[in-house]
N, C-alpha and C. Protein backbone atom coordinates (compact mmCIF):
# COMPACT_ATOMS: atom_id res chain seq x y z
N UNK A 1 115.49 109.15 97.66
CA UNK A 1 115.16 108.18 98.88
C UNK A 1 113.30 109.23 99.66
N UNK A 2 112.61 108.18 99.71
CA UNK A 2 111.50 108.50 100.60
C UNK A 2 111.20 109.50 101.60
N UNK A 3 110.56 110.32 102.02
CA UNK A 3 111.09 110.98 103.26
C UNK A 3 109.80 111.58 103.60
N UNK A 4 108.38 111.36 102.60
CA UNK A 4 107.03 111.67 103.63
C UNK A 4 105.84 110.80 103.32
N UNK A 5 105.07 110.61 103.99
CA UNK A 5 103.90 109.86 103.09
C UNK A 5 102.84 110.30 103.98
N UNK A 6 101.37 109.65 103.52
CA UNK A 6 100.31 109.70 103.81
C UNK A 6 99.57 108.35 104.37
N UNK A 7 99.16 108.36 105.44
CA UNK A 7 98.38 107.25 106.30
C UNK A 7 97.09 107.59 106.18
N UNK A 8 96.13 106.93 105.77
CA UNK A 8 95.04 107.18 105.32
C UNK A 8 93.85 106.10 106.13
N UNK A 9 92.87 106.44 106.93
CA UNK A 9 91.72 105.30 107.30
C UNK A 9 90.57 105.58 106.98
N UNK A 10 89.78 104.65 106.19
CA UNK A 10 88.69 104.88 105.62
C UNK A 10 87.77 103.85 106.52
N UNK A 11 86.39 104.34 106.53
CA UNK A 11 85.58 103.53 107.94
C UNK A 11 84.29 103.17 106.58
N UNK A 12 84.17 102.03 106.41
CA UNK A 12 82.98 101.57 105.60
C UNK A 12 81.78 101.92 105.93
N UNK A 13 80.67 102.26 105.42
CA UNK A 13 79.40 102.21 105.78
C UNK A 13 78.65 100.57 105.43
N UNK A 14 77.96 100.16 106.48
CA UNK A 14 77.43 98.68 106.18
C UNK A 14 76.91 98.28 104.93
N UNK A 15 77.62 97.23 104.47
CA UNK A 15 77.13 96.53 103.06
C UNK A 15 77.80 97.68 101.92
N UNK A 16 79.15 98.60 101.89
CA UNK A 16 79.69 98.75 100.85
C UNK A 16 81.10 98.27 101.30
N UNK A 17 81.45 97.42 102.06
CA UNK A 17 82.83 96.94 102.03
C UNK A 17 84.14 96.12 100.77
N UNK A 18 82.33 95.60 99.99
CA UNK A 18 83.17 95.26 98.82
C UNK A 18 83.44 96.09 97.38
N UNK A 19 82.67 96.82 97.93
CA UNK A 19 82.76 98.28 96.71
C UNK A 19 83.66 99.13 96.96
N UNK A 20 84.46 99.29 98.16
CA UNK A 20 85.72 99.95 98.52
C UNK A 20 86.45 99.29 98.35
N UNK A 21 86.59 98.16 98.76
CA UNK A 21 87.98 96.94 98.22
C UNK A 21 87.92 96.82 96.55
N UNK A 22 87.00 96.95 95.82
CA UNK A 22 87.12 97.00 94.42
C UNK A 22 87.67 98.56 94.02
N UNK A 23 86.92 99.19 94.81
CA UNK A 23 87.70 100.68 94.05
C UNK A 23 89.17 101.01 94.52
N UNK A 24 89.25 100.42 95.54
CA UNK A 24 91.28 100.87 96.22
C UNK A 24 91.93 99.91 95.22
N UNK A 25 91.18 98.17 94.53
CA UNK A 25 92.19 97.80 93.90
C UNK A 25 92.23 98.36 92.22
N UNK A 26 90.93 98.85 91.89
CA UNK A 26 90.97 99.85 90.85
C UNK A 26 91.75 101.08 90.92
N UNK A 27 92.05 101.50 92.07
CA UNK A 27 92.56 102.81 92.26
C UNK A 27 94.29 102.65 91.79
N UNK A 28 94.96 101.50 91.40
CA UNK A 28 96.22 101.25 90.95
C UNK A 28 96.56 101.72 90.04
N UNK A 29 95.70 101.40 89.25
CA UNK A 29 95.77 101.75 88.02
C UNK A 29 96.23 103.21 87.79
N UNK A 30 95.34 104.02 88.56
CA UNK A 30 95.24 105.50 88.43
C UNK A 30 96.39 106.23 89.00
N UNK A 31 97.14 105.31 90.19
CA UNK A 31 98.41 105.76 90.77
C UNK A 31 99.67 105.76 89.77
N UNK A 32 99.49 104.88 89.20
CA UNK A 32 100.93 104.18 88.20
C UNK A 32 101.04 105.78 87.26
N UNK A 33 100.27 106.66 86.87
CA UNK A 33 100.32 108.01 86.31
C UNK A 33 101.20 109.12 87.35
N UNK A 34 101.26 108.60 88.32
CA UNK A 34 101.61 109.92 89.27
C UNK A 34 102.81 109.55 89.57
N UNK A 35 104.05 110.38 88.78
CA UNK A 35 105.77 110.08 88.92
C UNK A 35 105.58 110.59 90.12
N UNK A 36 105.10 111.23 90.96
CA UNK A 36 105.48 111.56 92.35
C UNK A 36 105.49 110.87 93.53
N UNK A 37 104.33 109.78 93.33
CA UNK A 37 104.45 108.53 94.06
C UNK A 37 104.84 107.39 94.15
N UNK A 38 106.01 107.02 95.07
CA UNK A 38 106.68 106.05 94.87
C UNK A 38 106.26 104.97 95.53
N UNK A 39 105.38 105.24 96.39
CA UNK A 39 104.88 103.55 96.93
C UNK A 39 103.19 103.91 97.35
N UNK A 40 102.51 103.36 96.98
CA UNK A 40 100.97 103.28 97.05
C UNK A 40 100.75 101.63 97.79
N UNK A 41 99.95 101.79 99.07
CA UNK A 41 99.59 100.08 99.15
C UNK A 41 97.99 100.71 100.06
N UNK A 42 97.25 99.90 99.18
CA UNK A 42 95.54 99.79 100.09
C UNK A 42 95.58 98.52 100.56
N UNK A 43 95.29 99.01 102.15
CA UNK A 43 95.22 97.90 103.14
C UNK A 43 93.34 97.44 103.57
N UNK A 44 93.19 96.52 103.90
CA UNK A 44 92.14 96.36 104.95
C UNK A 44 92.58 95.88 105.99
N UNK A 45 92.30 96.81 107.17
CA UNK A 45 92.46 96.25 108.40
C UNK A 45 91.70 95.53 109.46
N UNK A 46 90.21 95.64 109.17
CA UNK A 46 89.61 94.89 109.76
C UNK A 46 87.65 94.96 108.45
N UNK A 47 87.39 94.44 109.05
CA UNK A 47 86.00 93.61 108.46
C UNK A 47 85.30 95.19 107.78
N UNK A 48 85.52 96.16 108.45
CA UNK A 48 84.92 97.78 108.08
C UNK A 48 85.69 98.98 108.08
N UNK A 49 87.08 98.69 108.19
CA UNK A 49 88.15 99.48 107.93
C UNK A 49 89.00 99.53 107.11
N UNK A 50 89.45 100.17 106.11
CA UNK A 50 90.18 100.10 105.26
C UNK A 50 91.40 101.34 105.15
N UNK A 51 92.47 101.05 104.67
CA UNK A 51 93.67 101.89 104.75
C UNK A 51 94.65 102.28 103.24
N UNK A 52 95.41 103.40 103.47
CA UNK A 52 96.01 103.58 102.62
C UNK A 52 97.29 104.00 103.37
N UNK A 53 98.34 103.35 102.73
CA UNK A 53 99.68 103.99 103.00
C UNK A 53 100.51 104.36 101.60
N UNK A 54 100.88 105.82 101.57
CA UNK A 54 101.73 106.13 100.80
C UNK A 54 102.94 106.97 100.77
N UNK A 55 104.04 106.84 100.05
CA UNK A 55 105.20 107.35 100.36
C UNK A 55 105.85 108.21 98.66
N UNK A 56 106.33 109.39 99.65
CA UNK A 56 106.87 110.07 98.23
C UNK A 56 108.44 110.62 98.36
N UNK A 57 108.82 111.13 97.45
CA UNK A 57 110.25 111.40 97.52
C UNK A 57 110.43 113.15 98.38
N UNK A 58 109.53 113.65 98.18
CA UNK A 58 109.19 114.89 98.84
C UNK A 58 108.10 115.54 98.79
N UNK A 59 107.91 116.61 99.62
CA UNK A 59 106.03 117.01 99.51
C UNK A 59 106.14 117.71 98.72
N UNK A 60 106.58 118.00 97.84
CA UNK A 60 105.36 118.19 96.31
C UNK A 60 104.83 117.04 95.74
N UNK A 61 105.60 116.12 95.59
CA UNK A 61 104.41 114.45 94.99
C UNK A 61 103.42 114.53 96.03
N UNK A 62 103.62 114.61 97.25
CA UNK A 62 102.41 114.37 98.20
C UNK A 62 101.26 115.45 98.05
N UNK A 63 101.90 116.62 97.64
CA UNK A 63 100.67 117.32 97.78
C UNK A 63 100.00 117.16 96.05
N UNK A 64 100.36 116.94 95.44
CA UNK A 64 100.28 116.54 93.91
C UNK A 64 98.97 115.22 94.04
N UNK A 65 99.55 114.35 94.71
CA UNK A 65 98.93 113.10 94.89
C UNK A 65 97.58 113.94 95.94
N UNK A 66 97.48 114.40 96.47
CA UNK A 66 96.69 114.98 97.52
C UNK A 66 94.80 115.51 96.42
N UNK A 67 95.83 115.89 95.22
CA UNK A 67 94.89 116.84 94.44
C UNK A 67 94.55 115.62 92.69
N UNK A 68 95.09 114.30 93.00
CA UNK A 68 95.09 113.48 91.82
C UNK A 68 93.66 112.66 91.64
N UNK A 69 93.54 111.92 90.82
CA UNK A 69 92.63 111.45 90.35
C UNK A 69 91.58 110.26 91.67
N UNK A 70 92.67 109.39 92.49
CA UNK A 70 92.33 108.51 93.10
C UNK A 70 91.58 109.57 94.39
N UNK A 71 92.36 110.45 94.77
CA UNK A 71 91.84 111.75 95.96
C UNK A 71 90.62 112.13 95.54
N UNK A 72 90.16 112.84 94.23
CA UNK A 72 89.06 113.03 94.02
C UNK A 72 87.78 112.10 94.34
N UNK A 73 88.14 110.97 93.50
CA UNK A 73 87.04 109.64 93.70
C UNK A 73 86.69 109.67 95.04
N UNK A 74 87.81 109.24 95.66
CA UNK A 74 86.97 109.42 97.24
C UNK A 74 86.52 110.16 97.78
N UNK A 75 86.92 111.52 97.39
CA UNK A 75 86.18 112.75 98.08
C UNK A 75 84.71 112.65 97.50
N UNK A 76 84.52 112.14 96.18
CA UNK A 76 83.30 112.59 95.04
C UNK A 76 82.12 111.72 96.05
N UNK A 77 83.06 110.20 96.45
CA UNK A 77 82.16 109.33 96.80
C UNK A 77 82.16 108.80 98.37
N UNK A 78 82.50 109.79 99.03
CA UNK A 78 82.37 109.73 100.42
C UNK A 78 81.12 109.54 101.21
N UNK A 79 80.71 110.34 101.04
CA UNK A 79 79.12 110.02 102.08
C UNK A 79 78.54 108.75 101.22
N UNK A 80 78.62 108.22 100.49
CA UNK A 80 78.29 107.22 99.93
C UNK A 80 78.63 106.17 100.63
N UNK A 81 80.39 105.73 100.76
CA UNK A 81 81.02 104.59 101.15
C UNK A 81 81.08 104.53 102.36
N UNK A 82 81.28 105.64 103.25
CA UNK A 82 82.16 106.14 104.26
C UNK A 82 81.28 106.83 105.38
N UNK A 83 81.62 106.45 106.56
CA UNK A 83 80.78 106.36 107.68
C UNK A 83 80.94 107.79 108.21
N UNK A 84 82.31 108.29 107.92
CA UNK A 84 82.66 109.71 108.11
C UNK A 84 83.62 109.85 107.31
N UNK A 85 84.28 111.19 106.69
CA UNK A 85 85.45 111.35 106.09
C UNK A 85 86.61 110.70 106.32
N UNK A 86 87.43 110.47 105.25
CA UNK A 86 88.66 109.56 105.75
C UNK A 86 89.33 110.62 106.25
N UNK A 87 90.30 109.86 107.32
CA UNK A 87 91.05 110.26 108.30
C UNK A 87 92.59 110.47 107.39
N UNK A 88 92.88 111.81 106.89
CA UNK A 88 94.13 111.92 106.05
C UNK A 88 95.14 112.47 107.08
N UNK A 89 96.46 111.64 107.29
CA UNK A 89 97.60 111.92 108.47
C UNK A 89 98.72 112.10 107.19
N UNK A 90 99.47 113.33 107.84
CA UNK A 90 100.65 113.56 106.94
C UNK A 90 101.77 112.84 107.34
N UNK A 91 102.61 112.21 107.09
CA UNK A 91 103.75 111.66 108.23
C UNK A 91 104.87 111.86 107.67
N UNK A 92 106.05 111.69 108.53
CA UNK A 92 107.60 111.58 107.65
C UNK A 92 107.94 110.35 107.94
N UNK A 93 108.61 110.08 106.72
CA UNK A 93 109.07 108.38 106.79
C UNK A 93 110.61 108.64 107.40
N UNK A 94 111.17 107.89 108.44
CA UNK A 94 112.16 108.00 109.15
C UNK A 94 113.25 107.03 108.14
N UNK A 95 112.42 105.77 107.85
CA UNK A 95 113.14 104.53 107.43
C UNK A 95 112.50 103.64 106.51
N UNK A 96 113.10 103.11 105.36
CA UNK A 96 112.44 102.68 104.23
C UNK A 96 113.53 101.63 103.76
N UNK A 97 112.30 100.60 103.26
CA UNK A 97 112.96 99.19 102.73
C UNK A 97 111.72 98.79 101.24
N UNK A 98 112.37 99.72 100.06
CA UNK A 98 111.65 99.33 99.09
C UNK A 98 112.23 98.86 97.81
N UNK A 99 111.28 98.14 96.68
CA UNK A 99 112.35 97.20 95.96
C UNK A 99 112.91 98.39 95.23
N UNK A 100 113.65 97.59 94.40
CA UNK A 100 114.91 98.37 93.79
C UNK A 100 114.09 98.36 92.16
């Protein structure tokens, strides 16, 4: 059962919105190699704000994810794509309904 997660907000530089959207869509294939990541959702919140919600069975999976490929790409391209560094919040999951 998932017990911990990450809630991340990404604020796009003007003109970089499509590039961020493509990066997040392409990120799905990188996440599939992470056995500790139970759920991963890339979101568009509004025209310039994107988000990620990620769920893990335990903190070890969350910590591994923070050192993973998608995190590396977002960190590497942060100055180019975002108006400020991504906001990363560690959350506890109280209840969840996930596909079986």
